[in-house]
Amino acid sequence: MVKIDIISGFLGAGKTTLIKKLLSSALKGQKIVLIENEFGDIGIDGGFLKDAGVQINEMNSGCICCSLVGDFKKALNKVYDEYAPDRIVIEPSGVGKLSDVLQAVLSADLPNSEISSLTAVVDAKKCKMYMKNFGEFYKNQIEQAKCVVLSHTAGISEDKLQYCLDTVKSLNSEAVIVTTPWEDISGEKIFEAMTNTSTLASQLKELEEEEICPVCGGHHHEHEHHHDHDEECGCGHHHEHEHHHEHGEECSCGHHHHHGHDADEVFSSWGVETACKYTQDQIKDILQSLDGGEYGVILRAKGIVDSADGKWIHFDYVPEEVDVRYGGGEVIGRICVIGSKINQQKLAQLFGIKA
């Protein structure tokens, strides 16, 4: 199976720099063909990419979405037949629409191939200006992407980064977004985001599958969100069989067990991606606040967030238990909370997330 990666991005966003980072790490050892399309007569990036041992097939004198569509299909088939690559990386012109590039790839109808990733590289410093002046092309690249990788985020103000993040989310709420400066994160992590193997939705699902008792916060490892007959949870009380708790039953944790309710009726979840920075003490204070009941019955929280000193903070919470520590960086900060009757608006305020 030949994988096809399309890495788009407006002029000067950093597509070639990103590709070089991926070639030296996540894609190292694979047989790769890079197809470039420069807007103009001379390709300027091919030379130094050849140094990385990548076969270049440059196409000039136009952009990928207009005059070169026919040649592009031909080039794809030629690359596929002659080089038998593991992966084809396509770097379109910065003024091309990602939707047209994708259509051209699909219409080439390559056998035994698949689109592995659709990425837009967005310059966080110039997001506002480009959106205003080149909206049609700029928006299209973001809207069509499965992953948006922000460039030039090192040293940028939190407000400016947040504006760019909000802009991207307003155009594409489903895309995985990378906000971490590239020098602070591995190519493997970025590629993981590009291929959508680590998302907020997947992390929330993983948290939900921990099987938390909606009554006491105890962890159960059976699937289907039920308690086996006579199973005992962390509150020391037995729960009835057949996916429900007996009506009106109350245990020492002070919460009533619900009769006949499936897990999705009892549980609710809240998750957010954020570029906000915190200190360890701030995270500890926030997590300890979850015990008070003001935000709902919070049973589990976990996340990875950035800090002002460049380290990444990892945290876990169960009622009356907080674990905050430093750990490896992520492509973007993520916060996940599971519980019952969650007040999402208050949680957002607690974590300092702007609406």
Protein backbone atom coordinates (compact mmCIF):
# COMPACT_ATOMS: atom_id res chain seq x y z
CA MET A 1 0.00 0.00 0.00
CA VAL A 2 1.48 3.34 -1.09
CA LYS A 3 0.74 6.14 1.36
CA ILE A 4 0.14 9.66 0.04
CA ASP A 5 0.73 12.72 2.22
CA ILE A 6 -0.35 16.18 1.06
CA ILE A 7 1.32 19.02 2.95
CA SER A 8 -0.16 22.37 1.95
CA GLY A 9 0.37 25.81 3.36
CA PHE A 10 0.37 29.43 2.30
CA LEU A 11 3.48 31.10 0.90
CA GLY A 12 6.33 31.07 3.41
CA ALA A 13 4.44 29.09 6.06
CA GLY A 14 7.24 26.55 6.43
CA LYS A 15 6.13 23.51 4.43
CA THR A 16 9.62 22.58 3.27
CA THR A 17 11.07 22.98 6.78
CA LEU A 18 8.39 20.66 8.12
CA ILE A 19 9.02 18.09 5.39
CA LYS A 20 12.74 18.09 6.18
CA LYS A 21 11.98 17.50 9.87
CA LEU A 22 9.71 14.57 9.01
CA LEU A 23 12.22 13.06 6.59
CA SER A 24 14.93 13.03 9.24
CA SER A 25 12.73 11.40 11.87
CA ALA A 26 9.23 9.98 11.39
CA LEU A 27 9.76 9.01 7.73
CA LYS A 28 13.39 7.99 7.99
CA GLY A 29 14.18 4.71 6.24
CA GLN A 30 11.10 4.74 4.02
CA LYS A 31 11.31 4.95 0.23
CA ILE A 32 9.81 8.35 -0.44
CA VAL A 33 9.15 10.41 -3.53
CA LEU A 34 8.49 14.09 -3.04
CA ILE A 35 6.44 15.85 -5.70
CA GLU A 36 6.81 19.61 -5.54
CA ASN A 37 5.03 22.30 -7.43
CA GLU A 38 6.47 25.80 -7.34
CA PHE A 39 4.52 28.84 -8.48
CA GLY A 40 6.88 30.18 -11.15
CA ASP A 41 9.48 28.81 -13.51
CA ILE A 42 12.19 27.60 -11.15
CA GLY A 43 11.85 25.18 -8.26
CA ILE A 44 13.93 26.51 -5.38
CA ASP A 45 13.55 23.78 -2.77
CA GLY A 46 14.47 20.64 -4.69
CA GLY A 47 18.24 20.93 -4.31
CA PHE A 48 18.62 20.67 -0.58
CA LEU A 49 15.85 18.13 -0.22
CA LYS A 50 17.79 15.85 -2.56
CA ASP A 51 20.53 15.90 0.05
CA ALA A 52 18.17 13.93 2.28
CA GLY A 53 18.12 11.12 -0.31
CA VAL A 54 14.63 11.91 -1.57
CA GLN A 55 13.79 11.62 -5.26
CA ILE A 56 12.36 14.93 -6.46
CA ASN A 57 9.93 15.31 -9.31
CA GLU A 58 9.52 19.05 -9.72
CA MET A 59 6.73 20.61 -11.70
CA ASN A 60 6.94 24.30 -12.50
CA SER A 61 5.33 26.98 -14.68
CA GLY A 62 1.98 27.05 -12.92
CA CYS A 63 0.14 25.90 -9.83
CA ILE A 64 -1.08 22.45 -9.05
CA CYS A 65 -4.74 23.37 -9.08
CA CYS A 66 -4.94 24.86 -12.55
CA SER A 67 -2.62 24.42 -15.55
CA LEU A 68 -0.76 21.46 -14.09
CA VAL A 69 -3.68 19.23 -13.17
CA GLY A 70 -3.19 17.06 -16.26
CA ASP A 71 0.58 16.83 -15.82
CA PHE A 72 0.10 16.19 -12.15
CA LYS A 73 -1.89 13.03 -12.76
CA LYS A 74 0.75 11.88 -15.23
CA ALA A 75 3.52 12.64 -12.74
CA LEU A 76 1.77 10.70 -10.00
CA ASN A 77 1.38 7.64 -12.19
CA LYS A 78 4.98 7.89 -13.39
CA VAL A 79 6.26 8.11 -9.83
CA TYR A 80 4.07 5.19 -8.80
CA ASP A 81 5.16 2.96 -11.71
CA GLU A 82 8.87 3.82 -11.91
CA TYR A 83 9.89 4.25 -8.29
CA ALA A 84 7.49 1.93 -6.40
CA PRO A 85 7.73 4.17 -3.31
CA ASP A 86 6.47 3.43 0.17
CA ARG A 87 5.17 6.96 0.38
CA ILE A 88 4.50 9.91 -1.93
CA VAL A 89 4.76 13.33 -0.29
CA ILE A 90 3.11 16.15 -2.23
CA GLU A 91 4.04 19.76 -1.50
CA PRO A 92 1.69 21.95 -3.55
CA SER A 93 2.21 25.59 -4.36
CA GLY A 94 1.32 27.94 -1.51
CA VAL A 95 -1.38 29.55 -3.62
CA GLY A 96 -3.13 26.27 -4.43
CA LYS A 97 -6.45 25.20 -2.96
CA LEU A 98 -6.14 21.99 -0.96
CA SER A 99 -9.53 20.82 -2.24
CA ASP A 100 -8.24 20.98 -5.84
CA VAL A 101 -5.02 19.21 -4.94
CA LEU A 102 -6.96 16.42 -3.22
CA GLN A 103 -9.30 16.08 -6.20
CA ALA A 104 -6.33 15.82 -8.57
CA VAL A 105 -4.78 13.06 -6.45
CA LEU A 106 -8.03 11.11 -6.26
CA SER A 107 -8.67 11.44 -9.98
CA ALA A 108 -5.24 9.95 -10.72
CA ASP A 109 -6.80 6.70 -9.43
CA LEU A 110 -3.58 5.05 -8.32
CA PRO A 111 -4.04 1.35 -7.54
CA ASN A 112 -3.24 0.08 -4.04
CA SER A 113 -2.79 3.55 -2.55
CA GLU A 114 -4.42 5.69 0.12
CA ILE A 115 -4.38 9.25 1.41
CA SER A 116 -2.40 9.01 4.64
CA SER A 117 -2.56 12.66 5.69
CA LEU A 118 -3.96 16.04 4.65
CA THR A 119 -2.06 18.82 6.36
CA ALA A 120 -2.15 22.62 6.26
CA VAL A 121 0.81 24.56 7.65
CA VAL A 122 -0.34 27.91 9.05
CA ASP A 123 1.97 30.77 10.07
CA ALA A 124 0.64 31.77 13.48
CA LYS A 125 2.23 35.23 13.28
CA LYS A 126 0.61 36.10 9.96
CA CYS A 127 -2.72 34.32 10.38
CA LYS A 128 -4.78 37.50 10.78
CA MET A 129 -3.18 39.31 7.86
CA TYR A 130 -3.42 36.39 5.46
CA MET A 131 -7.00 35.66 6.45
CA LYS A 132 -7.93 39.24 5.61
CA ASN A 133 -6.06 39.49 2.31
CA PHE A 134 -6.15 35.95 0.89
CA GLY A 135 -9.26 34.53 2.53
CA GLU A 136 -10.42 32.21 -0.26
CA PHE A 137 -7.15 30.27 -0.60
CA TYR A 138 -6.28 30.47 3.07
CA LYS A 139 -9.65 29.26 4.32
CA ASN A 140 -9.78 26.42 1.81
CA GLN A 141 -6.46 24.98 2.97
CA ILE A 142 -7.60 25.03 6.61
CA GLU A 143 -11.12 23.76 5.92
CA GLN A 144 -9.92 20.74 3.92
CA ALA A 145 -7.10 19.70 6.27
CA LYS A 146 -7.26 16.79 8.70
CA CYS A 147 -4.38 18.36 10.63
CA VAL A 148 -3.30 22.00 10.94
CA VAL A 149 0.31 22.54 11.98
CA LEU A 150 0.98 26.06 13.27
CA SER A 151 4.43 27.44 12.48
CA HIS A 152 6.40 30.28 14.08
CA THR A 153 4.73 29.85 17.47
CA ALA A 154 7.96 30.25 19.47
CA GLY A 155 7.92 33.54 21.36
CA ILE A 156 4.47 34.53 20.13
CA SER A 157 2.11 36.15 22.64
CA GLU A 158 -0.61 33.95 24.14
CA ASP A 159 -3.30 36.29 22.78
CA LYS A 160 -1.95 36.10 19.23
CA LEU A 161 -1.60 32.33 19.41
CA GLN A 162 -5.11 32.02 20.84
CA TYR A 163 -6.50 34.18 18.01
CA CYS A 164 -4.91 31.88 15.43
CA LEU A 165 -6.13 28.77 17.26
CA ASP A 166 -9.69 30.17 17.47
CA THR A 167 -9.59 31.12 13.78
CA VAL A 168 -8.54 27.63 12.74
CA LYS A 169 -11.17 25.99 14.96
CA SER A 170 -13.90 28.28 13.58
CA LEU A 171 -13.07 27.03 10.07
CA ASN A 172 -12.39 23.40 10.95
CA SER A 173 -13.51 22.06 14.30
CA GLU A 174 -12.50 18.47 13.45
CA ALA A 175 -8.83 18.99 12.56
CA VAL A 176 -6.01 18.04 14.91
CA ILE A 177 -4.04 21.22 15.64
CA VAL A 178 -0.33 21.44 16.49
CA THR A 179 0.62 24.58 18.43
CA THR A 180 3.91 23.53 20.04
CA PRO A 181 7.07 25.13 18.55
CA TRP A 182 8.68 22.62 16.18
CA GLU A 183 12.03 22.75 17.95
CA ASP A 184 10.32 21.57 21.15
CA ILE A 185 8.68 18.51 19.68
CA SER A 186 9.75 15.46 17.70
CA GLY A 187 8.91 14.80 14.08
CA GLU A 188 7.26 11.57 15.24
CA LYS A 189 4.83 13.52 17.43
CA ILE A 190 3.94 15.88 14.60
CA PHE A 191 3.42 12.98 12.20
CA GLU A 192 1.23 11.24 14.76
CA ALA A 193 -0.98 14.34 14.75
CA MET A 194 -0.93 14.52 10.95
CA THR A 195 -2.15 10.95 10.63
CA ASN A 196 -4.79 11.50 13.33
CA THR A 197 -3.70 8.71 15.63
CA SER A 198 -3.87 10.93 18.71
CA THR A 199 -6.87 13.22 19.00
CA LEU A 200 -8.93 14.83 21.73
CA ALA A 201 -11.83 12.52 20.85
CA SER A 202 -9.65 9.42 21.15
CA GLN A 203 -8.31 10.56 24.52
CA LEU A 204 -11.81 11.25 25.85
CA LYS A 205 -12.92 7.83 24.65
CA GLU A 206 -9.92 6.24 26.35
CA LEU A 207 -10.86 8.01 29.59
CA GLU A 208 -14.48 6.89 29.33
CA GLU A 209 -13.38 3.30 28.82
CA GLU A 210 -11.63 3.32 32.17
CA GLU A 211 -15.10 2.40 33.49
CA ILE A 212 -15.60 4.82 36.36
CA CYS A 213 -18.43 4.14 38.77
CA PRO A 214 -20.81 7.12 38.48
CA VAL A 215 -21.56 6.83 42.16
CA CYS A 216 -18.20 6.78 43.91
CA GLY A 217 -15.59 7.40 41.26
CA GLY A 218 -14.20 3.88 41.63
CA HIS A 219 -12.54 2.34 38.57
CA HIS A 220 -13.90 -0.81 37.01
CA HIS A 221 -12.34 -2.68 34.14
CA GLU A 222 -15.35 -4.46 32.69
CA HIS A 223 -16.61 -3.25 29.31
CA GLU A 224 -20.11 -2.06 28.41
CA HIS A 225 -20.25 0.21 31.48
CA HIS A 226 -21.77 -2.29 33.88
CA HIS A 227 -20.95 -3.90 37.21
CA ASP A 228 -20.85 -7.67 37.47
CA HIS A 229 -23.08 -9.35 40.03
CA ASP A 230 -21.92 -8.59 43.56
CA GLU A 231 -18.97 -6.54 42.27
CA GLU A 232 -17.62 -4.20 44.87
CA CYS A 233 -16.30 -0.75 43.94
CA GLY A 234 -14.18 1.78 45.77
CA CYS A 235 -16.97 2.99 48.05
CA GLY A 236 -17.21 -0.51 49.61
CA HIS A 237 -20.77 -1.20 48.41
CA HIS A 238 -22.03 -3.86 46.08
CA HIS A 239 -23.81 -2.91 42.86
CA GLU A 240 -26.61 -4.89 41.27
CA HIS A 241 -26.15 -6.91 38.08
CA GLU A 242 -27.76 -6.13 34.67
CA HIS A 243 -26.41 -2.67 33.91
CA HIS A 244 -28.21 -0.73 36.63
CA HIS A 245 -28.18 0.25 40.28
CA GLU A 246 -31.26 -0.32 42.36
CA HIS A 247 -33.60 2.63 42.57
CA GLY A 248 -33.09 4.80 45.62
CA GLU A 249 -30.00 2.97 46.87
CA GLU A 250 -27.54 5.31 48.55
CA CYS A 251 -24.01 4.47 49.64
CA SER A 252 -21.68 6.18 52.05
CA CYS A 253 -20.38 8.53 49.39
CA GLY A 254 -23.75 10.30 49.58
CA HIS A 255 -24.88 9.77 45.97
CA HIS A 256 -27.92 7.87 44.80
CA HIS A 257 -27.50 4.99 42.41
CA HIS A 258 -29.63 5.33 39.27
CA HIS A 259 -32.08 2.67 38.22
CA GLY A 260 -32.00 1.39 34.65
CA HIS A 261 -29.67 4.08 33.29
CA ASP A 262 -27.04 3.37 30.66
CA ALA A 263 -23.62 4.91 31.15
CA ASP A 264 -24.20 7.62 28.54
CA GLU A 265 -27.19 8.82 30.56
CA VAL A 266 -25.16 9.02 33.76
CA PHE A 267 -21.80 10.19 32.44
CA SER A 268 -20.96 13.37 30.62
CA SER A 269 -17.59 14.56 29.41
CA TRP A 270 -15.80 17.78 28.60
CA GLY A 271 -12.61 18.08 26.64
CA VAL A 272 -10.68 20.98 25.19
CA GLU A 273 -7.50 21.65 23.26
CA THR A 274 -5.62 24.70 24.50
CA ALA A 275 -2.41 26.65 24.05
CA CYS A 276 -2.74 28.15 27.54
CA LYS A 277 0.26 27.90 29.85
CA TYR A 278 0.03 26.97 33.53
CA THR A 279 2.23 26.38 36.55
CA GLN A 280 2.15 23.14 38.54
CA ASP A 281 0.64 25.00 41.50
CA GLN A 282 -2.15 26.40 39.31
CA ILE A 283 -3.03 22.93 38.04
CA LYS A 284 -3.01 21.53 41.59
CA ASP A 285 -5.35 24.31 42.79
CA ILE A 286 -7.67 23.75 39.83
CA LEU A 287 -7.86 19.98 40.38
CA GLN A 288 -8.45 20.35 44.12
CA SER A 289 -11.35 22.68 43.32
CA LEU A 290 -13.07 19.82 41.49
CA ASP A 291 -13.88 18.14 44.81
CA GLY A 292 -16.33 20.85 45.88
CA GLY A 293 -19.28 19.94 43.66
CA GLU A 294 -19.48 23.36 42.03
CA TYR A 295 -18.55 21.90 38.64
CA GLY A 296 -20.69 18.77 38.86
CA VAL A 297 -19.74 15.35 40.19
CA ILE A 298 -16.25 15.14 38.72
CA LEU A 299 -15.00 11.56 38.70
CA ARG A 300 -11.91 11.71 36.53
CA ALA A 301 -9.71 14.30 34.86
CA LYS A 302 -6.44 14.06 33.02
CA GLY A 303 -4.44 16.18 30.68
CA ILE A 304 -1.17 17.51 29.33
CA VAL A 305 -0.63 21.28 29.22
CA ASP A 306 2.23 23.63 28.48
CA SER A 307 3.96 25.71 31.14
CA ALA A 308 5.65 29.09 31.08
CA ASP A 309 9.08 27.51 31.69
CA GLY A 310 8.91 25.34 28.57
CA LYS A 311 8.16 22.09 30.42
CA TRP A 312 4.97 20.15 29.91
CA ILE A 313 2.68 19.40 32.85
CA HIS A 314 0.92 16.02 33.02
CA PHE A 315 -1.94 15.61 35.48
CA ASP A 316 -4.43 13.04 36.73
CA TYR A 317 -7.38 13.49 39.06
CA VAL A 318 -9.82 11.22 40.87
CA PRO A 319 -11.89 12.52 43.80
CA GLU A 320 -9.60 13.70 46.61
CA GLU A 321 -6.52 12.52 44.72
CA VAL A 322 -4.33 14.77 42.57
CA ASP A 323 -1.18 13.84 40.65
CA VAL A 324 0.71 16.65 38.89
CA ARG A 325 4.12 16.09 37.30
CA TYR A 326 6.36 17.12 34.42
CA GLY A 327 6.52 14.93 31.33
CA GLY A 328 7.07 14.84 27.57
CA GLY A 329 5.66 17.51 25.28
CA GLU A 330 2.58 17.20 23.10
CA VAL A 331 1.47 18.80 19.86
CA ILE A 332 -1.11 20.87 21.77
CA GLY A 333 -2.41 21.04 25.33
CA ARG A 334 -5.38 18.78 26.05
CA ILE A 335 -7.70 18.62 29.06
CA CYS A 336 -10.25 15.81 29.52
CA VAL A 337 -12.88 15.61 32.28
CA ILE A 338 -15.48 12.87 32.97
CA GLY A 339 -18.30 13.02 35.48
CA SER A 340 -21.99 13.50 36.07
CA LYS A 341 -23.98 16.72 35.59
CA ILE A 342 -20.83 18.55 34.47
CA ASN A 343 -21.03 22.34 34.21
CA GLN A 344 -18.92 22.86 31.10
CA GLN A 345 -19.02 26.64 31.22
CA LYS A 346 -17.70 26.75 34.79
CA LEU A 347 -15.03 24.18 33.96
CA ALA A 348 -13.84 26.33 31.08
CA GLN A 349 -13.64 29.34 33.41
CA LEU A 350 -11.79 27.29 36.02
CA PHE A 351 -9.11 26.28 33.51
CA GLY A 352 -8.99 29.81 32.08
CA ILE A 353 -10.29 28.77 28.66
CA LYS A 354 -11.81 31.67 26.76
CA ALA A 355 -15.19 31.05 25.17
